Amino acid sequence: MKKNQLITRRHAIITGLASLGGLLLPGCSKKLPPTYGNILRMGDVLTYVAHRTLLPGQSLVREYNYGDISSFPAIGTTNPADPAKWFFNEDYGRLRSGAFANWALSIEGRVARPASYSLADLQRFPARTQITRHTCEEGWTAIGQWTGVPLSLVLNNAGILASARFVNFYTYDGRMDSIDMFDAFHPQTILAYGMNGRDLPVPHGAPLRLRVETQIGYKSLKFLKRIVVTDEFLDVGNRPRGWAWYTGI
């Protein structure tokens, strides 16, 4: 995409906020997040409504050049096999000691063909490489290169059912979060197995992590274990601690 054709998410939101009042009137429920009505999640309403209404189609976030790649700290869980941590996962330790040869990602729930995908299976799908900015909830940013399979290809391969509305991700460090189908089928939402031209390192989520480039960093879960597709919104994961479900940037 040419530079003058790129509509940045931030610009579209800033220039269109004046119109949001009318979007929250009755009759606009299809443009509201599933957390609507929860007073602790009012931020979801602003960002979700703005993105879904003001941005054309599946607008892409900015992608950078290889020379823009920066240092990229690993925070949060950096090794689920650490026995000194509360999130210690013995299964992950065994998989890591075997170079993840026996690791597999299960796709379950509202799909016609539930299955488990090895790393080799995922690498047989057409790959996407993108260099994007990671915006952390702690206030720092970094630019990295990610290589993986578009989530949409895996979901289509599993035969996602027409009633499905949410994709839920479970990890080896005990986390869970979800995105809706709009973000699941965004071209830049990928299951990443590579970082900066190499295999994804353990501190950054090996062997597979999610990249949701349209949202703040904590939505891009590391150490993926399984995916469950549902018709209903599951209000679990980070969100009971007060974190927003939708964190668009």
C-alpha atoms as a PDB file:
ATOM      1  CA  MET A   1       0.000   0.000   0.000  1.00  0.00           C
ATOM      2  CA  LYS A   2       1.379   3.403  -0.915  1.00  0.00           C
ATOM      3  CA  LYS A   3       2.114   5.814   1.902  1.00  0.00           C
ATOM      4  CA  ASN A   4      -0.488   8.343   0.780  1.00  0.00           C
ATOM      5  CA  GLN A   5      -3.112   5.605   0.672  1.00  0.00           C
ATOM      6  CA  LEU A   6      -2.524   4.430   4.224  1.00  0.00           C
ATOM      7  CA  ILE A   7      -5.243   5.578   6.598  1.00  0.00           C
ATOM      8  CA  THR A   8      -3.765   5.243  10.054  1.00  0.00           C
ATOM      9  CA  ARG A   9      -5.996   4.057  12.837  1.00  0.00           C
ATOM     10  CA  ARG A  10      -4.986   6.918  15.116  1.00  0.00           C
ATOM     11  CA  HIS A  11      -5.746   9.596  12.489  1.00  0.00           C
ATOM     12  CA  ALA A  12      -9.126   8.117  11.652  1.00  0.00           C
ATOM     13  CA  ILE A  13     -10.158   8.004  15.294  1.00  0.00           C
ATOM     14  CA  ILE A  14      -8.971  11.507  16.152  1.00  0.00           C
ATOM     15  CA  THR A  15     -10.707  13.069  13.167  1.00  0.00           C
ATOM     16  CA  GLY A  16     -13.932  11.161  13.707  1.00  0.00           C
ATOM     17  CA  LEU A  17     -14.540  11.260  17.459  1.00  0.00           C
ATOM     18  CA  ALA A  18     -17.058  14.074  17.113  1.00  0.00           C
ATOM     19  CA  SER A  19     -19.475  11.692  15.429  1.00  0.00           C
ATOM     20  CA  LEU A  20     -19.413   9.020  18.148  1.00  0.00           C
ATOM     21  CA  GLY A  21     -22.290  10.434  20.149  1.00  0.00           C
ATOM     22  CA  GLY A  22     -24.813   9.456  17.536  1.00  0.00           C
ATOM     23  CA  LEU A  23     -23.348   5.973  17.227  1.00  0.00           C
ATOM     24  CA  LEU A  24     -24.255   5.129  20.811  1.00  0.00           C
ATOM     25  CA  LEU A  25     -27.968   5.763  20.288  1.00  0.00           C
ATOM     26  CA  PRO A  26     -30.441   2.850  20.490  1.00  0.00           C
ATOM     27  CA  GLY A  27     -30.397   0.760  17.347  1.00  0.00           C
ATOM     28  CA  CYS A  28     -26.614   0.667  17.103  1.00  0.00           C
ATOM     29  CA  SER A  29     -26.168  -2.484  19.218  1.00  0.00           C
ATOM     30  CA  LYS A  30     -24.401  -4.336  16.394  1.00  0.00           C
ATOM     31  CA  LYS A  31     -21.569  -1.819  16.685  1.00  0.00           C
ATOM     32  CA  LEU A  32     -21.161  -2.289  20.436  1.00  0.00           C
ATOM     33  CA  PRO A  33     -18.647  -4.620  22.122  1.00  0.00           C
ATOM     34  CA  PRO A  34     -19.874  -7.684  24.064  1.00  0.00           C
ATOM     35  CA  THR A  35     -18.734  -5.963  27.278  1.00  0.00           C
ATOM     36  CA  TYR A  36     -21.186  -3.084  26.733  1.00  0.00           C
ATOM     37  CA  GLY A  37     -23.004  -2.206  29.970  1.00  0.00           C
ATOM     38  CA  ASN A  38     -20.075  -3.081  32.247  1.00  0.00           C
ATOM     39  CA  ILE A  39     -19.065   0.170  33.936  1.00  0.00           C
ATOM     40  CA  LEU A  40     -15.477  -1.054  34.390  1.00  0.00           C
ATOM     41  CA  ARG A  41     -15.131  -1.555  30.642  1.00  0.00           C
ATOM     42  CA  MET A  42     -16.289   1.786  29.276  1.00  0.00           C
ATOM     43  CA  GLY A  43     -13.022   2.096  27.373  1.00  0.00           C
ATOM     44  CA  ASP A  44     -14.100  -0.878  25.270  1.00  0.00           C
ATOM     45  CA  VAL A  45     -17.054   1.097  23.974  1.00  0.00           C
ATOM     46  CA  LEU A  46     -14.982   4.065  22.798  1.00  0.00           C
ATOM     47  CA  THR A  47     -12.298   2.117  20.953  1.00  0.00           C
ATOM     48  CA  TYR A  48     -14.546  -0.640  19.619  1.00  0.00           C
ATOM     49  CA  VAL A  49     -17.187   1.734  18.261  1.00  0.00           C
ATOM     50  CA  ALA A  50     -14.557   4.062  16.812  1.00  0.00           C
ATOM     51  CA  HIS A  51     -12.686   1.300  15.019  1.00  0.00           C
ATOM     52  CA  ARG A  52     -15.727  -0.524  13.705  1.00  0.00           C
ATOM     53  CA  THR A  53     -17.402   2.673  12.480  1.00  0.00           C
ATOM     54  CA  LEU A  54     -14.686   5.082  11.385  1.00  0.00           C
ATOM     55  CA  LEU A  55     -12.106   2.789   9.793  1.00  0.00           C
ATOM     56  CA  PRO A  56     -12.765   1.494   6.284  1.00  0.00           C
ATOM     57  CA  GLY A  57     -13.001  -2.288   6.126  1.00  0.00           C
ATOM     58  CA  GLN A  58     -10.004  -4.212   7.447  1.00  0.00           C
ATOM     59  CA  SER A  59      -7.664  -1.189   7.674  1.00  0.00           C
ATOM     60  CA  LEU A  60      -4.044  -2.227   8.089  1.00  0.00           C
ATOM     61  CA  VAL A  61      -1.727  -0.959  10.773  1.00  0.00           C
ATOM     62  CA  ARG A  62       1.524   0.572   9.580  1.00  0.00           C
ATOM     63  CA  GLU A  63       4.256  -1.838   8.528  1.00  0.00           C
ATOM     64  CA  TYR A  64       7.920  -0.846   8.760  1.00  0.00           C
ATOM     65  CA  ASN A  65      11.197  -1.615   6.998  1.00  0.00           C
ATOM     66  CA  TYR A  66      13.742  -4.147   8.186  1.00  0.00           C
ATOM     67  CA  GLY A  67      16.057  -1.344   9.270  1.00  0.00           C
ATOM     68  CA  ASP A  68      13.400  -0.067  11.677  1.00  0.00           C
ATOM     69  CA  ILE A  69      13.518  -3.202  13.855  1.00  0.00           C
ATOM     70  CA  SER A  70      14.407  -2.234  17.429  1.00  0.00           C
ATOM     71  CA  SER A  71      15.369  -3.910  20.671  1.00  0.00           C
ATOM     72  CA  PHE A  72      12.341  -5.761  21.998  1.00  0.00           C
ATOM     73  CA  PRO A  73      12.124  -6.564  25.730  1.00  0.00           C
ATOM     74  CA  ALA A  74      10.378  -9.730  26.858  1.00  0.00           C
ATOM     75  CA  ILE A  75       8.075  -9.061  29.807  1.00  0.00           C
ATOM     76  CA  GLY A  76       5.461 -11.005  31.717  1.00  0.00           C
ATOM     77  CA  THR A  77       5.945 -14.745  31.460  1.00  0.00           C
ATOM     78  CA  THR A  78       9.268 -15.555  29.827  1.00  0.00           C
ATOM     79  CA  ASN A  79       9.397 -19.297  30.586  1.00  0.00           C
ATOM     80  CA  PRO A  80       6.353 -21.351  31.677  1.00  0.00           C
ATOM     81  CA  ALA A  81       8.752 -24.160  32.635  1.00  0.00           C
ATOM     82  CA  ASP A  82      10.246 -22.161  35.530  1.00  0.00           C
ATOM     83  CA  PRO A  83       9.362 -24.174  38.676  1.00  0.00           C
ATOM     84  CA  ALA A  84       9.831 -21.107  40.877  1.00  0.00           C
ATOM     85  CA  LYS A  85       6.889 -19.298  39.276  1.00  0.00           C
ATOM     86  CA  TRP A  86       3.183 -19.632  40.011  1.00  0.00           C
ATOM     87  CA  PHE A  87       2.473 -20.321  36.340  1.00  0.00           C
ATOM     88  CA  PHE A  88       4.873 -23.321  36.214  1.00  0.00           C
ATOM     89  CA  ASN A  89       3.671 -25.827  33.612  1.00  0.00           C
ATOM     90  CA  GLU A  90       5.371 -29.215  33.624  1.00  0.00           C
ATOM     91  CA  ASP A  91       3.944 -30.125  30.221  1.00  0.00           C
ATOM     92  CA  TYR A  92       5.541 -27.065  28.658  1.00  0.00           C
ATOM     93  CA  GLY A  93       8.861 -28.053  30.195  1.00  0.00           C
ATOM     94  CA  ARG A  94       8.709 -31.486  28.590  1.00  0.00           C
ATOM     95  CA  LEU A  95       7.774 -30.000  25.217  1.00  0.00           C
ATOM     96  CA  ARG A  96      10.605 -27.488  25.400  1.00  0.00           C
ATOM     97  CA  SER A  97      13.158 -30.162  26.292  1.00  0.00           C
ATOM     98  CA  GLY A  98      12.092 -32.002  23.134  1.00  0.00           C
ATOM     99  CA  ALA A  99      12.486 -28.885  20.966  1.00  0.00           C
ATOM    100  CA  PHE A 100       8.659 -28.742  20.695  1.00  0.00           C
ATOM    101  CA  ALA A 101       8.632 -31.787  18.394  1.00  0.00           C
ATOM    102  CA  ASN A 102       5.508 -33.113  20.139  1.00  0.00           C
ATOM    103  CA  TRP A 103       3.783 -29.739  20.538  1.00  0.00           C
ATOM    104  CA  ALA A 104       0.426 -29.227  18.816  1.00  0.00           C
ATOM    105  CA  LEU A 105      -2.230 -26.518  18.791  1.00  0.00           C
ATOM    106  CA  SER A 106      -5.770 -27.830  19.134  1.00  0.00           C
ATOM    107  CA  ILE A 107      -8.685 -26.084  17.400  1.00  0.00           C
ATOM    108  CA  GLU A 108     -11.974 -26.879  19.149  1.00  0.00           C
ATOM    109  CA  GLY A 109     -15.526 -25.656  19.605  1.00  0.00           C
ATOM    110  CA  ARG A 110     -17.705 -24.310  16.816  1.00  0.00           C
ATOM    111  CA  VAL A 111     -15.756 -25.789  13.934  1.00  0.00           C
ATOM    112  CA  ALA A 112     -16.724 -28.583  11.567  1.00  0.00           C
ATOM    113  CA  ARG A 113     -13.329 -30.300  11.733  1.00  0.00           C
ATOM    114  CA  PRO A 114     -11.718 -30.076  15.196  1.00  0.00           C
ATOM    115  CA  ALA A 115      -8.052 -30.980  14.931  1.00  0.00           C
ATOM    116  CA  SER A 116      -4.575 -30.538  16.344  1.00  0.00           C
ATOM    117  CA  TYR A 117      -1.912 -28.782  14.291  1.00  0.00           C
ATOM    118  CA  SER A 118       1.791 -29.419  14.790  1.00  0.00           C
ATOM    119  CA  LEU A 119       4.299 -26.682  14.127  1.00  0.00           C
ATOM    120  CA  ALA A 120       5.112 -28.395  10.822  1.00  0.00           C
ATOM    121  CA  ASP A 121       1.400 -28.397   9.927  1.00  0.00           C
ATOM    122  CA  LEU A 122       1.150 -24.654  10.536  1.00  0.00           C
ATOM    123  CA  GLN A 123       4.304 -23.979   8.548  1.00  0.00           C
ATOM    124  CA  ARG A 124       2.752 -25.696   5.517  1.00  0.00           C
ATOM    125  CA  PHE A 125       0.131 -22.946   5.279  1.00  0.00           C
ATOM    126  CA  PRO A 126       1.019 -19.843   3.236  1.00  0.00           C
ATOM    127  CA  ALA A 127       3.120 -17.656   5.520  1.00  0.00           C
ATOM    128  CA  ARG A 128       2.900 -13.935   6.192  1.00  0.00           C
ATOM    129  CA  THR A 129       5.798 -11.776   7.384  1.00  0.00           C
ATOM    130  CA  GLN A 130       5.141  -8.309   8.793  1.00  0.00           C
ATOM    131  CA  ILE A 131       7.205  -5.696  10.611  1.00  0.00           C
ATOM    132  CA  THR A 132       4.966  -3.865  13.078  1.00  0.00           C
ATOM    133  CA  ARG A 133       5.034  -1.739  16.194  1.00  0.00           C
ATOM    134  CA  HIS A 134       4.175  -3.444  19.481  1.00  0.00           C
ATOM    135  CA  THR A 135       2.551  -1.048  21.954  1.00  0.00           C
ATOM    136  CA  CYS A 136       2.778  -2.312  25.518  1.00  0.00           C
ATOM    137  CA  GLU A 137       0.204  -1.460  28.175  1.00  0.00           C
ATOM    138  CA  GLU A 138       3.162  -0.328  30.324  1.00  0.00           C
ATOM    139  CA  GLY A 139       3.819   2.559  27.945  1.00  0.00           C
ATOM    140  CA  TRP A 140       6.780   1.409  25.855  1.00  0.00           C
ATOM    141  CA  THR A 141       6.847   0.443  22.185  1.00  0.00           C
ATOM    142  CA  ALA A 142       9.111  -1.719  20.029  1.00  0.00           C
ATOM    143  CA  ILE A 143       9.251  -2.752  16.390  1.00  0.00           C
ATOM    144  CA  GLY A 144       9.695  -6.393  15.441  1.00  0.00           C
ATOM    145  CA  GLN A 145       9.361  -8.704  12.481  1.00  0.00           C
ATOM    146  CA  TRP A 146       6.877 -11.560  12.806  1.00  0.00           C
ATOM    147  CA  THR A 147       6.415 -14.574  10.548  1.00  0.00           C
ATOM    148  CA  GLY A 148       3.515 -16.966  10.813  1.00  0.00           C
ATOM    149  CA  VAL A 149       0.252 -18.195   9.386  1.00  0.00           C
ATOM    150  CA  PRO A 150      -2.778 -15.905   9.132  1.00  0.00           C
ATOM    151  CA  LEU A 151      -5.289 -17.040  11.739  1.00  0.00           C
ATOM    152  CA  SER A 152      -8.026 -16.875   9.098  1.00  0.00           C
ATOM    153  CA  LEU A 153      -6.393 -19.686   7.098  1.00  0.00           C
ATOM    154  CA  VAL A 154      -6.340 -22.027  10.081  1.00  0.00           C
ATOM    155  CA  LEU A 155      -9.919 -21.216  11.061  1.00  0.00           C
ATOM    156  CA  ASN A 156     -11.134 -21.806   7.518  1.00  0.00           C
ATOM    157  CA  ASN A 157      -9.226 -25.077   7.387  1.00  0.00           C
ATOM    158  CA  ALA A 158     -11.003 -26.189  10.570  1.00  0.00           C
ATOM    159  CA  GLY A 159     -14.358 -25.266   9.021  1.00  0.00           C
ATOM    160  CA  ILE A 160     -15.564 -22.456  11.247  1.00  0.00           C
ATOM    161  CA  LEU A 161     -19.357 -22.600  11.657  1.00  0.00           C
ATOM    162  CA  ALA A 162     -21.656 -19.756  10.598  1.00  0.00           C
ATOM    163  CA  SER A 163     -22.851 -19.114  14.165  1.00  0.00           C
ATOM    164  CA  ALA A 164     -19.328 -18.650  15.558  1.00  0.00           C
ATOM    165  CA  ARG A 165     -18.609 -15.179  16.931  1.00  0.00           C
ATOM    166  CA  PHE A 166     -15.509 -15.371  19.154  1.00  0.00           C
ATOM    167  CA  VAL A 167     -12.104 -17.031  19.102  1.00  0.00           C
ATOM    168  CA  ASN A 168     -10.718 -17.879  22.550  1.00  0.00           C
ATOM    169  CA  PHE A 169      -7.016 -18.533  23.158  1.00  0.00           C
ATOM    170  CA  TYR A 170      -5.539 -20.590  26.011  1.00  0.00           C
ATOM    171  CA  THR A 171      -1.843 -20.587  26.897  1.00  0.00           C
ATOM    172  CA  TYR A 172       0.708 -22.668  28.785  1.00  0.00           C
ATOM    173  CA  ASP A 173       1.180 -19.929  31.370  1.00  0.00           C
ATOM    174  CA  GLY A 174      -2.483 -20.055  32.417  1.00  0.00           C
ATOM    175  CA  ARG A 175      -3.823 -17.104  30.462  1.00  0.00           C
ATOM    176  CA  MET A 176      -6.918 -16.822  28.318  1.00  0.00           C
ATOM    177  CA  ASP A 177      -8.265 -14.055  26.124  1.00  0.00           C
ATOM    178  CA  SER A 178     -10.465 -13.687  23.071  1.00  0.00           C
ATOM    179  CA  ILE A 179     -11.116 -11.651  19.951  1.00  0.00           C
ATOM    180  CA  ASP A 180     -14.163 -11.375  17.727  1.00  0.00           C
ATOM    181  CA  MET A 181     -14.396 -12.659  14.170  1.00  0.00           C
ATOM    182  CA  PHE A 182     -13.633  -9.260  12.669  1.00  0.00           C
ATOM    183  CA  ASP A 183     -10.208  -9.191  14.295  1.00  0.00           C
ATOM    184  CA  ALA A 184      -9.689 -12.938  13.838  1.00  0.00           C
ATOM    185  CA  PHE A 185      -9.985 -12.507  10.071  1.00  0.00           C
ATOM    186  CA  HIS A 186      -7.893  -9.326   9.905  1.00  0.00           C
ATOM    187  CA  PRO A 187      -5.036  -9.890   7.410  1.00  0.00           C
ATOM    188  CA  GLN A 188      -2.413  -8.954  10.021  1.00  0.00           C
ATOM    189  CA  THR A 189      -3.738 -11.246  12.763  1.00  0.00           C
ATOM    190  CA  ILE A 190      -1.326 -14.160  12.636  1.00  0.00           C
ATOM    191  CA  LEU A 191      -0.128 -17.164  14.600  1.00  0.00           C
ATOM    192  CA  ALA A 192       3.584 -16.329  14.714  1.00  0.00           C
ATOM    193  CA  TYR A 193       6.321 -18.956  14.862  1.00  0.00           C
ATOM    194  CA  GLY A 194       9.164 -16.659  13.785  1.00  0.00           C
ATOM    195  CA  MET A 195      10.626 -13.383  15.049  1.00  0.00           C
ATOM    196  CA  ASN A 196      13.230 -11.211  13.327  1.00  0.00           C
ATOM    197  CA  GLY A 197      14.125 -13.932  10.817  1.00  0.00           C
ATOM    198  CA  ARG A 198      14.597 -16.715  13.390  1.00  0.00           C
ATOM    199  CA  ASP A 199      12.459 -19.229  15.229  1.00  0.00           C
ATOM    200  CA  LEU A 200      10.334 -17.573  17.884  1.00  0.00           C
ATOM    201  CA  PRO A 201      12.395 -17.515  21.111  1.00  0.00           C
ATOM    202  CA  VAL A 202      11.011 -18.841  24.377  1.00  0.00           C
ATOM    203  CA  PRO A 203      10.877 -15.432  26.153  1.00  0.00           C
ATOM    204  CA  HIS A 204       8.641 -14.178  23.329  1.00  0.00           C
ATOM    205  CA  GLY A 205       6.272 -17.150  23.386  1.00  0.00           C
ATOM    206  CA  ALA A 206       7.782 -20.176  21.627  1.00  0.00           C
ATOM    207  CA  PRO A 207       6.769 -22.164  19.826  1.00  0.00           C
ATOM    208  CA  LEU A 208       3.723 -20.094  18.823  1.00  0.00           C
ATOM    209  CA  ARG A 209       2.171 -16.793  19.813  1.00  0.00           C
ATOM    210  CA  LEU A 210      -0.737 -14.703  18.652  1.00  0.00           C
ATOM    211  CA  ARG A 211      -0.191 -11.331  16.986  1.00  0.00           C
ATOM    212  CA  VAL A 212      -3.197  -9.002  17.043  1.00  0.00           C
ATOM    213  CA  GLU A 213      -1.620  -5.931  15.497  1.00  0.00           C
ATOM    214  CA  THR A 214      -4.728  -3.756  15.838  1.00  0.00           C
ATOM    215  CA  GLN A 215      -4.730  -3.951  19.653  1.00  0.00           C
ATOM    216  CA  ILE A 216      -2.445  -3.264  22.616  1.00  0.00           C
ATOM    217  CA  GLY A 217       0.305  -5.782  23.325  1.00  0.00           C
ATOM    218  CA  TYR A 218      -1.323  -7.946  25.980  1.00  0.00           C
ATOM    219  CA  LYS A 219      -3.840  -9.222  23.434  1.00  0.00           C
ATOM    220  CA  SER A 220      -0.979 -10.903  21.541  1.00  0.00           C
ATOM    221  CA  LEU A 221      -0.808 -13.918  23.819  1.00  0.00           C
ATOM    222  CA  LYS A 222       2.361 -15.996  24.083  1.00  0.00           C
ATOM    223  CA  PHE A 223       2.816 -19.787  24.528  1.00  0.00           C
ATOM    224  CA  LEU A 224      -0.364 -20.830  22.723  1.00  0.00           C
ATOM    225  CA  LYS A 225      -1.850 -24.179  23.731  1.00  0.00           C
ATOM    226  CA  ARG A 226      -5.354 -24.360  22.246  1.00  0.00           C
ATOM    227  CA  ILE A 227      -8.029 -22.330  20.483  1.00  0.00           C
ATOM    228  CA  VAL A 228     -11.739 -22.676  21.229  1.00  0.00           C
ATOM    229  CA  VAL A 229     -14.282 -21.078  18.889  1.00  0.00           C
ATOM    230  CA  THR A 230     -17.587 -20.109  20.541  1.00  0.00           C
ATOM    231  CA  ASP A 231     -20.949 -18.584  19.755  1.00  0.00           C
ATOM    232  CA  GLU A 232     -21.022 -16.754  23.113  1.00  0.00           C
ATOM    233  CA  PHE A 233     -18.640 -14.278  24.686  1.00  0.00           C
ATOM    234  CA  LEU A 234     -16.646 -15.786  27.574  1.00  0.00           C
ATOM    235  CA  ASP A 235     -15.912 -13.080  30.131  1.00  0.00           C
ATOM    236  CA  VAL A 236     -12.768 -14.597  31.635  1.00  0.00           C
ATOM    237  CA  GLY A 237      -9.019 -14.213  31.268  1.00  0.00           C
ATOM    238  CA  ASN A 238      -7.347 -10.865  32.012  1.00  0.00           C
ATOM    239  CA  ARG A 239     -10.600  -8.991  32.126  1.00  0.00           C
ATOM    240  CA  PRO A 240     -11.846  -9.861  35.645  1.00  0.00           C
ATOM    241  CA  ARG A 241      -8.781  -7.990  36.926  1.00  0.00           C
ATOM    242  CA  GLY A 242     -10.163  -4.832  35.339  1.00  0.00           C
ATOM    243  CA  TRP A 243      -8.309  -4.958  32.035  1.00  0.00           C
ATOM    244  CA  ALA A 244     -10.287  -3.972  28.972  1.00  0.00           C
ATOM    245  CA  TRP A 245     -11.410  -6.678  26.547  1.00  0.00           C
ATOM    246  CA  TYR A 246     -11.038  -4.428  23.487  1.00  0.00           C
ATOM    247  CA  THR A 247      -7.825  -2.392  23.437  1.00  0.00           C
ATOM    248  CA  GLY A 248      -7.642  -0.966  19.926  1.00  0.00           C
ATOM    249  CA  ILE A 249      -4.782   1.311  18.885  1.00  0.00           C
END
